[in-house]
Amino acid sequence: MKRPRDVRDHRHMDTTRTDKEWREQLTPEQYEVLRRKGTERAFTGEYVHTEDEGIYRCAGCGAELFGSDTKFDSGTGWPSFTEPSVAANVELHRDLSHFMIRTEVTCRRCGGHLGHVFDDGPAPTGKRYCINSCSLQLDREAAASG
């Protein structure tokens, strides 16, 4: 079983960006999800059915989040992963919105909303990191160089 690397690299903190700067950098959909904790519609995201190899990075700051080797088809309409590739690059927060109790997943580097994690995933972790496609950017070159 491959375990996430525990790498702490906070040299590129992007939390000091202004709202105007975020709006200029991100698409309207990315801004809604990453900065306002929105959710893209199920089965509409770019990476729902993608099977390409590579590293999924935060669309807001480029932090390494998930490897394609942990991606699986959960049938939920969003890209799903069993675990982060770098555990220190994600943070988990209790989310009580929408009359539910969930665990929100955010990027540690820029604070961007990624999605939620659930305890109904496959072995070996039993976790399902359900992540919005627009919060991610697939780095296919990382697979070729890795």
N, C-alpha and C. Protein backbone atom coordinates (compact mmCIF):
# COMPACT_ATOMS: atom_id res chain seq x y z
N MET A 1 0.84 -1.18 0.00
CA MET A 1 0.00 0.00 0.00
C MET A 1 0.88 1.25 0.00
N LYS A 2 0.63 2.13 -0.93
CA LYS A 2 1.39 3.38 -1.02
C LYS A 2 0.83 4.38 -0.02
N ARG A 3 1.66 4.93 0.82
CA ARG A 3 1.24 5.90 1.83
C ARG A 3 1.56 7.32 1.35
N PRO A 4 0.73 8.29 1.71
CA PRO A 4 1.02 9.68 1.31
C PRO A 4 2.32 10.17 1.92
N ARG A 5 3.04 10.93 1.14
CA ARG A 5 4.25 11.55 1.66
C ARG A 5 3.86 12.69 2.60
N ASP A 6 4.58 12.85 3.67
CA ASP A 6 4.32 13.94 4.60
C ASP A 6 5.35 15.03 4.35
N VAL A 7 5.07 15.86 3.36
CA VAL A 7 5.99 16.91 2.95
C VAL A 7 5.36 18.26 3.30
N ARG A 8 6.08 19.08 4.01
CA ARG A 8 5.56 20.40 4.36
C ARG A 8 6.37 21.47 3.63
N ASP A 9 5.70 22.12 2.68
CA ASP A 9 6.34 23.15 1.89
C ASP A 9 5.38 24.33 1.79
N HIS A 10 5.57 25.30 2.65
CA HIS A 10 4.67 26.44 2.69
C HIS A 10 5.33 27.71 2.14
N ARG A 11 6.33 27.55 1.30
CA ARG A 11 7.05 28.71 0.77
C ARG A 11 6.20 29.51 -0.20
N HIS A 12 5.17 28.91 -0.76
CA HIS A 12 4.39 29.59 -1.79
C HIS A 12 2.98 29.90 -1.32
N MET A 13 2.82 30.32 -0.08
CA MET A 13 1.49 30.59 0.46
C MET A 13 0.77 31.63 -0.40
N ASP A 14 -0.41 31.29 -0.85
CA ASP A 14 -1.20 32.18 -1.70
C ASP A 14 -2.38 32.79 -0.96
N THR A 15 -2.43 32.65 0.34
CA THR A 15 -3.57 33.14 1.09
C THR A 15 -3.59 34.67 1.17
N THR A 16 -2.53 35.32 0.72
CA THR A 16 -2.49 36.77 0.77
C THR A 16 -3.08 37.42 -0.48
N ARG A 17 -3.53 36.61 -1.43
CA ARG A 17 -4.14 37.18 -2.63
C ARG A 17 -5.44 37.87 -2.28
N THR A 18 -5.70 38.93 -2.97
CA THR A 18 -6.96 39.64 -2.77
C THR A 18 -8.07 38.94 -3.54
N ASP A 19 -9.29 39.26 -3.21
CA ASP A 19 -10.43 38.70 -3.93
C ASP A 19 -10.34 39.05 -5.41
N LYS A 20 -9.93 40.26 -5.70
CA LYS A 20 -9.78 40.70 -7.09
C LYS A 20 -8.74 39.84 -7.82
N GLU A 21 -7.62 39.55 -7.16
CA GLU A 21 -6.59 38.73 -7.78
C GLU A 21 -7.08 37.30 -8.04
N TRP A 22 -7.84 36.73 -7.09
CA TRP A 22 -8.40 35.40 -7.29
C TRP A 22 -9.35 35.40 -8.48
N ARG A 23 -10.19 36.42 -8.58
CA ARG A 23 -11.15 36.49 -9.69
C ARG A 23 -10.45 36.62 -11.04
N GLU A 24 -9.31 37.29 -11.06
CA GLU A 24 -8.54 37.44 -12.30
C GLU A 24 -7.85 36.14 -12.69
N GLN A 25 -7.41 35.36 -11.71
CA GLN A 25 -6.67 34.13 -11.98
C GLN A 25 -7.58 32.96 -12.34
N LEU A 26 -8.71 32.85 -11.68
CA LEU A 26 -9.57 31.68 -11.81
C LEU A 26 -10.72 31.93 -12.79
N THR A 27 -11.24 30.84 -13.37
CA THR A 27 -12.47 30.94 -14.16
C THR A 27 -13.61 31.22 -13.18
N PRO A 28 -14.74 31.69 -13.67
CA PRO A 28 -15.87 31.92 -12.75
C PRO A 28 -16.26 30.65 -11.97
N GLU A 29 -16.26 29.49 -12.63
CA GLU A 29 -16.60 28.25 -11.93
C GLU A 29 -15.55 27.89 -10.88
N GLN A 30 -14.27 28.04 -11.22
CA GLN A 30 -13.21 27.76 -10.24
C GLN A 30 -13.33 28.69 -9.05
N TYR A 31 -13.61 29.96 -9.31
CA TYR A 31 -13.75 30.92 -8.21
C TYR A 31 -14.90 30.51 -7.29
N GLU A 32 -16.02 30.15 -7.88
CA GLU A 32 -17.20 29.76 -7.09
C GLU A 32 -16.90 28.55 -6.20
N VAL A 33 -16.18 27.59 -6.73
CA VAL A 33 -15.88 26.38 -5.96
C VAL A 33 -14.72 26.61 -4.99
N LEU A 34 -13.58 27.06 -5.50
CA LEU A 34 -12.39 27.19 -4.66
C LEU A 34 -12.51 28.26 -3.58
N ARG A 35 -13.10 29.39 -3.91
CA ARG A 35 -13.12 30.51 -2.97
C ARG A 35 -14.44 30.66 -2.21
N ARG A 36 -15.55 30.16 -2.81
CA ARG A 36 -16.87 30.34 -2.17
C ARG A 36 -17.49 29.01 -1.72
N LYS A 37 -16.72 27.93 -1.82
CA LYS A 37 -17.13 26.60 -1.37
C LYS A 37 -18.34 26.05 -2.12
N GLY A 38 -18.40 26.37 -3.40
CA GLY A 38 -19.48 25.84 -4.24
C GLY A 38 -19.19 24.41 -4.65
N THR A 39 -20.10 23.86 -5.46
CA THR A 39 -19.96 22.50 -5.97
C THR A 39 -20.35 22.49 -7.44
N GLU A 40 -19.51 21.89 -8.27
CA GLU A 40 -19.87 21.76 -9.68
C GLU A 40 -20.94 20.68 -9.81
N ARG A 41 -21.74 20.77 -10.86
CA ARG A 41 -22.78 19.78 -11.09
C ARG A 41 -22.17 18.40 -11.34
N ALA A 42 -22.81 17.38 -10.81
CA ALA A 42 -22.33 16.00 -10.98
C ALA A 42 -22.23 15.63 -12.45
N PHE A 43 -21.22 14.86 -12.78
CA PHE A 43 -20.95 14.32 -14.11
C PHE A 43 -20.64 15.38 -15.17
N THR A 44 -20.33 16.61 -14.75
CA THR A 44 -20.00 17.67 -15.72
C THR A 44 -18.52 18.03 -15.71
N GLY A 45 -17.78 17.59 -14.72
CA GLY A 45 -16.39 17.98 -14.56
C GLY A 45 -15.45 17.32 -15.55
N GLU A 46 -14.38 18.01 -15.84
CA GLU A 46 -13.39 17.56 -16.82
C GLU A 46 -12.74 16.23 -16.46
N TYR A 47 -12.58 15.93 -15.16
CA TYR A 47 -11.81 14.75 -14.76
C TYR A 47 -12.66 13.59 -14.24
N VAL A 48 -13.98 13.67 -14.36
CA VAL A 48 -14.84 12.60 -13.84
C VAL A 48 -14.45 11.25 -14.42
N HIS A 49 -14.28 11.18 -15.73
CA HIS A 49 -14.00 9.90 -16.38
C HIS A 49 -12.55 9.79 -16.88
N THR A 50 -11.71 10.72 -16.53
CA THR A 50 -10.32 10.71 -16.97
C THR A 50 -9.56 9.56 -16.33
N GLU A 51 -8.84 8.82 -17.15
CA GLU A 51 -8.00 7.73 -16.65
C GLU A 51 -6.53 7.99 -16.93
N ASP A 52 -6.19 9.20 -17.38
CA ASP A 52 -4.80 9.55 -17.67
C ASP A 52 -3.97 9.53 -16.39
N GLU A 53 -2.70 9.17 -16.55
CA GLU A 53 -1.79 9.16 -15.43
C GLU A 53 -1.23 10.56 -15.18
N GLY A 54 -0.91 10.83 -13.93
CA GLY A 54 -0.32 12.10 -13.59
C GLY A 54 -0.61 12.47 -12.14
N ILE A 55 -0.31 13.72 -11.84
CA ILE A 55 -0.53 14.27 -10.50
C ILE A 55 -1.63 15.32 -10.61
N TYR A 56 -2.62 15.22 -9.74
CA TYR A 56 -3.68 16.22 -9.67
C TYR A 56 -3.23 17.30 -8.70
N ARG A 57 -3.15 18.52 -9.22
CA ARG A 57 -2.70 19.68 -8.44
C ARG A 57 -3.87 20.61 -8.16
N CYS A 58 -3.72 21.46 -7.16
CA CYS A 58 -4.72 22.47 -6.86
C CYS A 58 -4.76 23.47 -8.00
N ALA A 59 -5.96 23.75 -8.53
CA ALA A 59 -6.10 24.71 -9.61
C ALA A 59 -5.84 26.13 -9.14
N GLY A 60 -5.86 26.35 -7.85
CA GLY A 60 -5.61 27.68 -7.32
C GLY A 60 -4.15 28.01 -7.12
N CYS A 61 -3.36 27.02 -6.69
CA CYS A 61 -1.96 27.32 -6.34
C CYS A 61 -0.95 26.31 -6.86
N GLY A 62 -1.40 25.19 -7.41
CA GLY A 62 -0.47 24.21 -7.97
C GLY A 62 0.06 23.17 -7.00
N ALA A 63 -0.41 23.19 -5.76
CA ALA A 63 0.07 22.21 -4.78
C ALA A 63 -0.31 20.80 -5.23
N GLU A 64 0.59 19.85 -5.01
CA GLU A 64 0.30 18.45 -5.32
C GLU A 64 -0.72 17.91 -4.34
N LEU A 65 -1.81 17.33 -4.88
CA LEU A 65 -2.88 16.85 -4.02
C LEU A 65 -3.12 15.34 -4.11
N PHE A 66 -3.35 14.84 -5.32
CA PHE A 66 -3.70 13.43 -5.50
C PHE A 66 -2.96 12.84 -6.69
N GLY A 67 -2.65 11.56 -6.59
CA GLY A 67 -2.04 10.84 -7.70
C GLY A 67 -3.10 10.07 -8.46
N SER A 68 -2.91 9.91 -9.75
CA SER A 68 -3.87 9.17 -10.57
C SER A 68 -3.97 7.71 -10.12
N ASP A 69 -2.94 7.21 -9.45
CA ASP A 69 -2.96 5.82 -8.99
C ASP A 69 -3.94 5.59 -7.85
N THR A 70 -4.48 6.66 -7.24
CA THR A 70 -5.47 6.50 -6.17
C THR A 70 -6.87 6.90 -6.63
N LYS A 71 -7.02 7.25 -7.90
CA LYS A 71 -8.32 7.66 -8.45
C LYS A 71 -9.15 6.41 -8.76
N PHE A 72 -10.45 6.49 -8.49
CA PHE A 72 -11.34 5.38 -8.80
C PHE A 72 -12.71 5.92 -9.20
N ASP A 73 -13.49 5.11 -9.87
CA ASP A 73 -14.83 5.50 -10.31
C ASP A 73 -15.82 5.16 -9.21
N SER A 74 -16.27 6.18 -8.50
CA SER A 74 -17.21 5.98 -7.39
C SER A 74 -18.66 6.00 -7.87
N GLY A 75 -18.88 6.42 -9.12
CA GLY A 75 -20.23 6.50 -9.64
C GLY A 75 -21.01 7.70 -9.12
N THR A 76 -20.34 8.62 -8.43
CA THR A 76 -21.02 9.76 -7.82
C THR A 76 -21.08 10.98 -8.72
N GLY A 77 -20.24 11.01 -9.75
CA GLY A 77 -20.24 12.15 -10.65
C GLY A 77 -19.11 13.13 -10.43
N TRP A 78 -18.23 12.83 -9.48
CA TRP A 78 -17.06 13.66 -9.21
C TRP A 78 -15.83 12.76 -9.15
N PRO A 79 -14.67 13.29 -9.50
CA PRO A 79 -13.45 12.49 -9.35
C PRO A 79 -13.30 12.05 -7.89
N SER A 80 -12.94 10.80 -7.70
CA SER A 80 -12.80 10.26 -6.34
C SER A 80 -11.43 9.62 -6.18
N PHE A 81 -10.86 9.78 -5.00
CA PHE A 81 -9.52 9.29 -4.69
C PHE A 81 -9.55 8.60 -3.33
N THR A 82 -8.68 7.62 -3.14
CA THR A 82 -8.63 6.93 -1.85
C THR A 82 -7.79 7.66 -0.81
N GLU A 83 -6.85 8.49 -1.26
CA GLU A 83 -6.01 9.23 -0.32
C GLU A 83 -5.22 10.31 -1.06
N PRO A 84 -4.82 11.36 -0.33
CA PRO A 84 -3.96 12.37 -0.95
C PRO A 84 -2.56 11.82 -1.19
N SER A 85 -1.88 12.35 -2.19
CA SER A 85 -0.50 11.93 -2.44
C SER A 85 0.46 12.58 -1.47
N VAL A 86 0.13 13.76 -1.00
CA VAL A 86 0.92 14.46 0.02
C VAL A 86 -0.05 14.88 1.12
N ALA A 87 -0.07 14.10 2.19
CA ALA A 87 -1.04 14.32 3.27
C ALA A 87 -1.00 15.74 3.82
N ALA A 88 0.18 16.32 3.89
CA ALA A 88 0.33 17.66 4.47
C ALA A 88 -0.25 18.76 3.57
N ASN A 89 -0.59 18.44 2.33
CA ASN A 89 -1.11 19.47 1.42
C ASN A 89 -2.62 19.63 1.47
N VAL A 90 -3.30 18.80 2.26
CA VAL A 90 -4.75 18.95 2.41
C VAL A 90 -5.09 19.13 3.88
N GLU A 91 -6.19 19.82 4.12
CA GLU A 91 -6.71 19.98 5.47
C GLU A 91 -8.15 19.52 5.48
N LEU A 92 -8.58 18.98 6.61
CA LEU A 92 -9.95 18.51 6.77
C LEU A 92 -10.65 19.38 7.80
N HIS A 93 -11.91 19.73 7.51
CA HIS A 93 -12.69 20.60 8.39
C HIS A 93 -14.11 20.05 8.52
N ARG A 94 -14.67 20.15 9.68
CA ARG A 94 -16.07 19.76 9.87
C ARG A 94 -16.96 20.75 9.12
N ASP A 95 -17.90 20.22 8.35
CA ASP A 95 -18.79 21.04 7.52
C ASP A 95 -20.23 20.72 7.90
N LEU A 96 -20.94 21.70 8.42
CA LEU A 96 -22.33 21.53 8.85
C LEU A 96 -23.31 22.19 7.89
N SER A 97 -22.85 22.56 6.70
CA SER A 97 -23.72 23.25 5.75
C SER A 97 -24.74 22.29 5.12
N HIS A 98 -25.78 22.84 4.56
CA HIS A 98 -26.81 22.09 3.84
C HIS A 98 -27.47 21.02 4.70
N PHE A 99 -27.58 21.27 6.01
CA PHE A 99 -28.25 20.37 6.95
C PHE A 99 -27.62 18.97 6.98
N MET A 100 -26.31 18.91 6.74
CA MET A 100 -25.57 17.65 6.78
C MET A 100 -24.33 17.81 7.63
N ILE A 101 -23.81 16.69 8.08
CA ILE A 101 -22.52 16.68 8.76
C ILE A 101 -21.55 15.98 7.82
N ARG A 102 -20.58 16.75 7.32
CA ARG A 102 -19.60 16.21 6.38
C ARG A 102 -18.21 16.69 6.77
N THR A 103 -17.22 16.16 6.07
CA THR A 103 -15.84 16.61 6.28
C THR A 103 -15.36 17.26 4.99
N GLU A 104 -15.12 18.56 5.08
CA GLU A 104 -14.64 19.33 3.93
C GLU A 104 -13.15 19.11 3.74
N VAL A 105 -12.73 19.08 2.48
CA VAL A 105 -11.31 18.97 2.13
C VAL A 105 -10.89 20.29 1.49
N THR A 106 -9.82 20.90 2.03
CA THR A 106 -9.29 22.14 1.46
C THR A 106 -7.81 21.99 1.18
N CYS A 107 -7.31 22.84 0.30
CA CYS A 107 -5.88 22.91 0.02
C CYS A 107 -5.21 23.67 1.17
N ARG A 108 -4.21 23.06 1.75
CA ARG A 108 -3.52 23.71 2.87
C ARG A 108 -2.77 24.96 2.42
N ARG A 109 -2.25 24.95 1.20
CA ARG A 109 -1.43 26.07 0.73
C ARG A 109 -2.26 27.33 0.49
N CYS A 110 -3.39 27.20 -0.21
CA CYS A 110 -4.16 28.41 -0.56
C CYS A 110 -5.53 28.47 0.10
N GLY A 111 -5.93 27.43 0.80
CA GLY A 111 -7.22 27.43 1.48
C GLY A 111 -8.40 27.14 0.56
N GLY A 112 -8.14 26.78 -0.68
CA GLY A 112 -9.21 26.54 -1.63
C GLY A 112 -10.04 25.30 -1.29
N HIS A 113 -11.36 25.42 -1.47
CA HIS A 113 -12.28 24.30 -1.25
C HIS A 113 -12.10 23.30 -2.38
N LEU A 114 -11.87 22.04 -2.01
CA LEU A 114 -11.68 20.98 -3.00
C LEU A 114 -12.91 20.09 -3.11
N GLY A 115 -13.51 19.74 -2.00
CA GLY A 115 -14.66 18.85 -1.98
C GLY A 115 -14.85 18.31 -0.58
N HIS A 116 -15.21 17.01 -0.48
CA HIS A 116 -15.46 16.39 0.82
C HIS A 116 -14.88 14.98 0.82
N VAL A 117 -14.64 14.46 2.02
CA VAL A 117 -14.17 13.08 2.17
C VAL A 117 -15.21 12.30 2.96
N PHE A 118 -15.44 11.05 2.51
CA PHE A 118 -16.44 10.18 3.12
C PHE A 118 -15.80 8.85 3.48
N ASP A 119 -16.42 8.14 4.41
CA ASP A 119 -15.90 6.86 4.89
C ASP A 119 -16.51 5.67 4.15
N ASP A 120 -16.80 5.82 2.87
CA ASP A 120 -17.42 4.73 2.10
C ASP A 120 -16.58 4.36 0.87
N GLY A 121 -15.28 4.58 0.96
CA GLY A 121 -14.39 4.27 -0.16
C GLY A 121 -13.88 2.85 -0.11
N PRO A 122 -13.16 2.44 -1.14
CA PRO A 122 -12.63 1.08 -1.21
C PRO A 122 -11.40 0.89 -0.32
N ALA A 123 -11.01 -0.36 -0.16
CA ALA A 123 -9.77 -0.68 0.56
C ALA A 123 -8.61 -0.11 -0.26
N PRO A 124 -7.52 0.21 0.30
CA PRO A 124 -7.15 -0.09 1.67
C PRO A 124 -7.53 1.00 2.67
N THR A 125 -7.92 2.19 2.22
CA THR A 125 -8.16 3.29 3.16
C THR A 125 -9.60 3.38 3.64
N GLY A 126 -10.55 2.91 2.83
CA GLY A 126 -11.96 3.06 3.17
C GLY A 126 -12.45 4.49 3.00
N LYS A 127 -11.63 5.35 2.41
CA LYS A 127 -11.98 6.76 2.22
C LYS A 127 -12.34 7.04 0.76
N ARG A 128 -13.24 8.00 0.59
CA ARG A 128 -13.58 8.51 -0.75
C ARG A 128 -13.45 10.02 -0.71
N TYR A 129 -12.33 10.51 -1.25
CA TYR A 129 -12.13 11.95 -1.39
C TYR A 129 -12.87 12.35 -2.66
N CYS A 130 -14.01 12.98 -2.50
CA CYS A 130 -14.89 13.37 -3.60
C CYS A 130 -14.57 14.83 -3.93
N ILE A 131 -13.89 15.04 -5.05
CA ILE A 131 -13.26 16.33 -5.34
C ILE A 131 -13.82 16.95 -6.62
N ASN A 132 -14.10 18.23 -6.59
CA ASN A 132 -14.58 18.95 -7.77
C ASN A 132 -13.48 19.00 -8.83
N SER A 133 -13.83 18.65 -10.07
CA SER A 133 -12.84 18.71 -11.16
C SER A 133 -12.25 20.10 -11.31
N CYS A 134 -13.08 21.13 -11.18
CA CYS A 134 -12.57 22.48 -11.43
C CYS A 134 -11.63 22.96 -10.34
N SER A 135 -11.53 22.22 -9.24
CA SER A 135 -10.55 22.54 -8.19
C SER A 135 -9.19 21.93 -8.49
N LEU A 136 -9.16 21.10 -9.55
CA LEU A 136 -7.95 20.35 -9.87
C LEU A 136 -7.37 20.74 -11.21
N GLN A 137 -6.10 20.44 -11.37
CA GLN A 137 -5.42 20.56 -12.66
C GLN A 137 -4.52 19.33 -12.78
N LEU A 138 -4.75 18.51 -13.81
CA LEU A 138 -3.99 17.29 -13.99
C LEU A 138 -2.66 17.59 -14.67
N ASP A 139 -1.59 17.25 -13.98
CA ASP A 139 -0.23 17.43 -14.50
C ASP A 139 0.20 16.09 -15.10
N ARG A 140 -0.04 15.92 -16.38
CA ARG A 140 0.27 14.66 -17.08
C ARG A 140 1.78 14.48 -17.23
N GLU A 141 2.51 15.57 -17.28
CA GLU A 141 3.97 15.49 -17.43
C GLU A 141 4.62 14.88 -16.20
N ALA A 142 3.99 15.01 -15.05
CA ALA A 142 4.54 14.44 -13.82
C ALA A 142 4.59 12.92 -13.92
N ALA A 143 3.65 12.31 -14.63
CA ALA A 143 3.65 10.86 -14.81
C ALA A 143 4.83 10.43 -15.66
N ALA A 144 5.12 11.21 -16.69
CA ALA A 144 6.23 10.87 -17.60
C ALA A 144 7.58 11.03 -16.92
N SER A 145 7.69 11.99 -16.01
CA SER A 145 8.97 12.23 -15.35
C SER A 145 9.10 11.47 -14.05
N GLY A 146 7.98 10.93 -13.53
CA GLY A 146 8.01 10.25 -12.26
C GLY A 146 8.35 8.85 -12.37
